[in-house]
Amino acid sequence: MVEAAGGSRESYTLWADFWKAPSHPTRLRILEALREEGSLNVSQRVARIGIGQGHLSNHLACLKISGLVQTQATGRLIYYSLADSRMPPLLALGESIFSDHGAGVATCAVAPVQGQSGHHRAPSALVLHENHAYGEIPSLKAGDFARQDGNDSLGLALN
């Protein structure tokens, strides 16, 4: 699609927007659950995901509008499933790549381009300690991140 559109900025923007739907942690959990368990209704999904029904329904609506999930009504219940057979291998590939490169992803910092205001920077950009090169990043676990004083970015605690 991007190449067919001539590789324009607009086509890349639209392609980047495609990745926003599955990139939210809750929506990614929903997609993973659908990949692993198949079709379930909202009540069953609430029990498995552990969030409120309204919250879950909003995320499912986003995934449906994006074309990533589909619905099937059975009586009064609506069942959700993956809409595209390419999603399970895409999710598996993403999981595999993340397992190999997760530490690098977790330390990716986005800095403002010179001449642009700071609002272009990701609000939770990670700052890697200057003494650690990319290849020396240790395994990350919960609790490795701490807010830096006087800064809107997160610092990675490397020992």
C-alpha atoms as a PDB file:
ATOM      1  CA  MET A   1       0.000   0.000   0.000  1.00  0.00           C
ATOM      2  CA  VAL A   2       2.703   2.456   0.952  1.00  0.00           C
ATOM      3  CA  GLU A   3       4.756   1.777  -2.173  1.00  0.00           C
ATOM      4  CA  ALA A   4       1.613   1.734  -4.347  1.00  0.00           C
ATOM      5  CA  ALA A   5       0.826   5.232  -3.041  1.00  0.00           C
ATOM      6  CA  GLY A   6       4.262   6.421  -4.104  1.00  0.00           C
ATOM      7  CA  GLY A   7       5.699   6.293  -0.593  1.00  0.00           C
ATOM      8  CA  SER A   8       4.140   9.651   0.234  1.00  0.00           C
ATOM      9  CA  ARG A   9       4.190  11.138   3.722  1.00  0.00           C
ATOM     10  CA  GLU A  10       0.404  10.687   3.886  1.00  0.00           C
ATOM     11  CA  SER A  11       0.607   6.994   3.018  1.00  0.00           C
ATOM     12  CA  TYR A  12       3.242   6.427   5.718  1.00  0.00           C
ATOM     13  CA  THR A  13       1.135   8.398   8.201  1.00  0.00           C
ATOM     14  CA  LEU A  14      -1.861   6.201   7.439  1.00  0.00           C
ATOM     15  CA  TRP A  15       0.275   3.066   7.716  1.00  0.00           C
ATOM     16  CA  ALA A  16       1.619   4.270  11.084  1.00  0.00           C
ATOM     17  CA  ASP A  17      -1.977   4.917  12.181  1.00  0.00           C
ATOM     18  CA  PHE A  18      -2.764   1.266  11.355  1.00  0.00           C
ATOM     19  CA  TRP A  19      -0.253   0.166  14.002  1.00  0.00           C
ATOM     20  CA  LYS A  20      -1.875   2.355  16.685  1.00  0.00           C
ATOM     21  CA  ALA A  21      -4.865   0.037  17.097  1.00  0.00           C
ATOM     22  CA  PRO A  22      -2.889  -3.069  18.097  1.00  0.00           C
ATOM     23  CA  SER A  23      -0.192  -1.087  19.936  1.00  0.00           C
ATOM     24  CA  HIS A  24      -2.291  -0.198  22.999  1.00  0.00           C
ATOM     25  CA  PRO A  25      -1.480  -2.664  25.827  1.00  0.00           C
ATOM     26  CA  THR A  26      -5.140  -3.555  26.477  1.00  0.00           C
ATOM     27  CA  ARG A  27      -5.915  -4.032  22.793  1.00  0.00           C
ATOM     28  CA  LEU A  28      -2.792  -6.143  22.387  1.00  0.00           C
ATOM     29  CA  ARG A  29      -3.970  -8.320  25.306  1.00  0.00           C
ATOM     30  CA  ILE A  30      -7.366  -8.655  23.606  1.00  0.00           C
ATOM     31  CA  LEU A  31      -5.767  -9.667  20.301  1.00  0.00           C
ATOM     32  CA  GLU A  32      -3.512 -12.161  22.059  1.00  0.00           C
ATOM     33  CA  ALA A  33      -6.488 -13.646  23.919  1.00  0.00           C
ATOM     34  CA  LEU A  34      -8.424 -13.969  20.652  1.00  0.00           C
ATOM     35  CA  ARG A  35      -5.409 -15.600  19.028  1.00  0.00           C
ATOM     36  CA  GLU A  36      -4.992 -18.093  21.866  1.00  0.00           C
ATOM     37  CA  GLU A  37      -8.621 -18.766  22.822  1.00  0.00           C
ATOM     38  CA  GLY A  38     -10.657 -17.958  19.735  1.00  0.00           C
ATOM     39  CA  SER A  39     -14.088 -16.369  19.764  1.00  0.00           C
ATOM     40  CA  LEU A  40     -15.578 -15.194  23.075  1.00  0.00           C
ATOM     41  CA  ASN A  41     -18.326 -12.777  24.071  1.00  0.00           C
ATOM     42  CA  VAL A  42     -17.695  -9.593  26.069  1.00  0.00           C
ATOM     43  CA  SER A  43     -18.665 -11.148  29.421  1.00  0.00           C
ATOM     44  CA  GLN A  44     -16.228 -14.026  28.896  1.00  0.00           C
ATOM     45  CA  ARG A  45     -13.535 -11.607  27.738  1.00  0.00           C
ATOM     46  CA  VAL A  46     -14.023  -9.363  30.826  1.00  0.00           C
ATOM     47  CA  ALA A  47     -13.323 -12.336  33.063  1.00  0.00           C
ATOM     48  CA  ARG A  48     -10.145 -13.218  31.159  1.00  0.00           C
ATOM     49  CA  ILE A  49      -8.755  -9.688  30.595  1.00  0.00           C
ATOM     50  CA  GLY A  50      -9.700  -8.309  34.015  1.00  0.00           C
ATOM     51  CA  ILE A  51     -11.043  -4.875  33.024  1.00  0.00           C
ATOM     52  CA  GLY A  52     -14.530  -3.373  33.162  1.00  0.00           C
ATOM     53  CA  GLN A  53     -17.070  -4.191  30.483  1.00  0.00           C
ATOM     54  CA  GLY A  54     -17.370  -0.582  29.258  1.00  0.00           C
ATOM     55  CA  HIS A  55     -13.600  -0.218  29.005  1.00  0.00           C
ATOM     56  CA  LEU A  56     -13.340  -3.524  27.146  1.00  0.00           C
ATOM     57  CA  SER A  57     -16.193  -2.637  24.792  1.00  0.00           C
ATOM     58  CA  ASN A  58     -14.448   0.617  23.821  1.00  0.00           C
ATOM     59  CA  HIS A  59     -11.250  -1.249  22.956  1.00  0.00           C
ATOM     60  CA  LEU A  60     -13.180  -3.912  21.030  1.00  0.00           C
ATOM     61  CA  ALA A  61     -14.964  -1.166  19.068  1.00  0.00           C
ATOM     62  CA  CYS A  62     -11.595   0.350  18.112  1.00  0.00           C
ATOM     63  CA  LEU A  63     -10.320  -3.047  16.964  1.00  0.00           C
ATOM     64  CA  LYS A  64     -13.522  -3.667  15.001  1.00  0.00           C
ATOM     65  CA  ILE A  65     -13.428  -0.258  13.292  1.00  0.00           C
ATOM     66  CA  SER A  66      -9.778  -0.945  12.421  1.00  0.00           C
ATOM     67  CA  GLY A  67     -10.796  -4.226  10.784  1.00  0.00           C
ATOM     68  CA  LEU A  68      -8.798  -6.376  13.197  1.00  0.00           C
ATOM     69  CA  VAL A  69     -11.740  -8.108  14.897  1.00  0.00           C
ATOM     70  CA  GLN A  70     -15.152  -9.143  13.685  1.00  0.00           C
ATOM     71  CA  THR A  71     -18.413  -9.872  15.453  1.00  0.00           C
ATOM     72  CA  GLN A  72     -21.025 -12.571  15.171  1.00  0.00           C
ATOM     73  CA  ALA A  73     -24.352 -12.347  16.974  1.00  0.00           C
ATOM     74  CA  THR A  74     -25.669 -15.528  18.522  1.00  0.00           C
ATOM     75  CA  GLY A  75     -29.018 -14.773  20.105  1.00  0.00           C
ATOM     76  CA  ARG A  76     -28.474 -11.784  22.396  1.00  0.00           C
ATOM     77  CA  LEU A  77     -24.729 -12.373  22.702  1.00  0.00           C
ATOM     78  CA  ILE A  78     -22.083 -10.891  20.424  1.00  0.00           C
ATOM     79  CA  TYR A  79     -18.936 -12.928  19.910  1.00  0.00           C
ATOM     80  CA  TYR A  80     -15.634 -11.354  18.864  1.00  0.00           C
ATOM     81  CA  SER A  81     -12.920 -13.070  16.856  1.00  0.00           C
ATOM     82  CA  LEU A  82      -9.912 -12.088  14.770  1.00  0.00           C
ATOM     83  CA  ALA A  83     -11.093 -10.732  11.414  1.00  0.00           C
ATOM     84  CA  ASP A  84      -7.983 -11.526   9.406  1.00  0.00           C
ATOM     85  CA  SER A  85      -6.214 -14.875   9.221  1.00  0.00           C
ATOM     86  CA  ARG A  86      -2.883 -13.023   8.937  1.00  0.00           C
ATOM     87  CA  MET A  87      -3.197 -11.666  12.503  1.00  0.00           C
ATOM     88  CA  PRO A  88      -2.149 -14.826  14.418  1.00  0.00           C
ATOM     89  CA  PRO A  89       1.172 -15.156  12.560  1.00  0.00           C
ATOM     90  CA  LEU A  90       1.723 -11.375  12.789  1.00  0.00           C
ATOM     91  CA  LEU A  91       1.191 -11.479  16.565  1.00  0.00           C
ATOM     92  CA  ALA A  92       3.474 -14.522  16.877  1.00  0.00           C
ATOM     93  CA  LEU A  93       6.162 -12.776  14.805  1.00  0.00           C
ATOM     94  CA  GLY A  94       5.842  -9.618  16.895  1.00  0.00           C
ATOM     95  CA  GLU A  95       6.159 -11.673  20.079  1.00  0.00           C
ATOM     96  CA  SER A  96       9.263 -13.402  18.734  1.00  0.00           C
ATOM     97  CA  ILE A  97      10.923 -10.144  17.659  1.00  0.00           C
ATOM     98  CA  PHE A  98      10.036  -8.528  20.995  1.00  0.00           C
ATOM     99  CA  SER A  99      11.569 -11.443  22.932  1.00  0.00           C
ATOM    100  CA  ASP A 100      14.839 -10.843  21.046  1.00  0.00           C
ATOM    101  CA  HIS A 101      14.801  -7.037  21.145  1.00  0.00           C
ATOM    102  CA  GLY A 102      12.577  -6.050  24.086  1.00  0.00           C
ATOM    103  CA  ALA A 103      15.356  -4.366  26.060  1.00  0.00           C
ATOM    104  CA  GLY A 104      16.176  -2.134  23.100  1.00  0.00           C
ATOM    105  CA  VAL A 105      12.522  -1.265  22.603  1.00  0.00           C
ATOM    106  CA  ALA A 106      12.174  -0.439  26.306  1.00  0.00           C
ATOM    107  CA  THR A 107      15.093   1.998  26.150  1.00  0.00           C
ATOM    108  CA  CYS A 108      14.175   3.714  22.884  1.00  0.00           C
ATOM    109  CA  ALA A 109      14.238   7.476  23.473  1.00  0.00           C
ATOM    110  CA  VAL A 110      12.527  10.009  21.242  1.00  0.00           C
ATOM    111  CA  ALA A 111      14.118  13.445  21.432  1.00  0.00           C
ATOM    112  CA  PRO A 112      12.739  16.613  19.825  1.00  0.00           C
ATOM    113  CA  VAL A 113      14.197  17.610  16.479  1.00  0.00           C
ATOM    114  CA  GLN A 114      16.207  20.820  16.699  1.00  0.00           C
ATOM    115  CA  GLY A 115      13.930  23.774  16.033  1.00  0.00           C
ATOM    116  CA  GLN A 116      10.761  21.935  17.076  1.00  0.00           C
ATOM    117  CA  SER A 117       9.006  22.380  20.395  1.00  0.00           C
ATOM    118  CA  GLY A 118       9.289  19.692  23.061  1.00  0.00           C
ATOM    119  CA  HIS A 119       5.701  18.523  22.541  1.00  0.00           C
ATOM    120  CA  HIS A 120       6.964  16.303  19.697  1.00  0.00           C
ATOM    121  CA  ARG A 121       8.881  14.201  22.182  1.00  0.00           C
ATOM    122  CA  ALA A 122       7.152  11.150  23.587  1.00  0.00           C
ATOM    123  CA  PRO A 123       5.982  12.156  27.097  1.00  0.00           C
ATOM    124  CA  SER A 124       7.419   9.012  28.630  1.00  0.00           C
ATOM    125  CA  ALA A 125      10.631   8.769  26.619  1.00  0.00           C
ATOM    126  CA  LEU A 126      13.231   6.578  28.248  1.00  0.00           C
ATOM    127  CA  VAL A 127      16.679   7.934  28.954  1.00  0.00           C
ATOM    128  CA  LEU A 128      19.489   5.427  28.830  1.00  0.00           C
ATOM    129  CA  HIS A 129      22.343   5.961  31.270  1.00  0.00           C
ATOM    130  CA  GLU A 130      25.311   7.392  29.339  1.00  0.00           C
ATOM    131  CA  ASN A 131      27.727   4.656  30.457  1.00  0.00           C
ATOM    132  CA  HIS A 132      25.786   1.871  28.759  1.00  0.00           C
ATOM    133  CA  ALA A 133      26.028   1.259  25.039  1.00  0.00           C
ATOM    134  CA  TYR A 134      23.018  -0.284  23.274  1.00  0.00           C
ATOM    135  CA  GLY A 135      24.619  -3.734  23.179  1.00  0.00           C
ATOM    136  CA  GLU A 136      25.235  -3.694  26.924  1.00  0.00           C
ATOM    137  CA  ILE A 137      21.611  -3.258  28.008  1.00  0.00           C
ATOM    138  CA  PRO A 138      20.805  -5.811  30.717  1.00  0.00           C
ATOM    139  CA  SER A 139      17.557  -7.753  30.941  1.00  0.00           C
ATOM    140  CA  LEU A 140      14.679  -5.568  32.078  1.00  0.00           C
ATOM    141  CA  LYS A 141      12.102  -6.447  34.691  1.00  0.00           C
ATOM    142  CA  ALA A 142       9.305  -4.711  36.549  1.00  0.00           C
ATOM    143  CA  GLY A 143      10.679  -2.004  38.826  1.00  0.00           C
ATOM    144  CA  ASP A 144      13.619  -1.092  36.569  1.00  0.00           C
ATOM    145  CA  PHE A 145      12.083   2.274  35.722  1.00  0.00           C
ATOM    146  CA  ALA A 146      12.016   5.383  37.907  1.00  0.00           C
ATOM    147  CA  ARG A 147      10.793   8.926  37.208  1.00  0.00           C
ATOM    148  CA  GLN A 148      13.629  11.452  37.013  1.00  0.00           C
ATOM    149  CA  ASP A 149      13.225  14.563  39.193  1.00  0.00           C
ATOM    150  CA  GLY A 150      12.378  17.722  37.292  1.00  0.00           C
ATOM    151  CA  ASN A 151      11.903  15.859  34.037  1.00  0.00           C
ATOM    152  CA  ASP A 152       8.924  14.424  32.200  1.00  0.00           C
ATOM    153  CA  SER A 153      10.920  11.424  31.005  1.00  0.00           C
ATOM    154  CA  LEU A 154      11.574   8.100  32.611  1.00  0.00           C
ATOM    155  CA  GLY A 155      15.037   6.948  33.530  1.00  0.00           C
ATOM    156  CA  LEU A 156      16.152   3.352  33.243  1.00  0.00           C
ATOM    157  CA  ALA A 157      17.846   2.139  36.413  1.00  0.00           C
ATOM    158  CA  LEU A 158      20.948   0.284  35.268  1.00  0.00           C
ATOM    159  CA  ASN A 159      23.190  -1.107  37.947  1.00  0.00           C
END
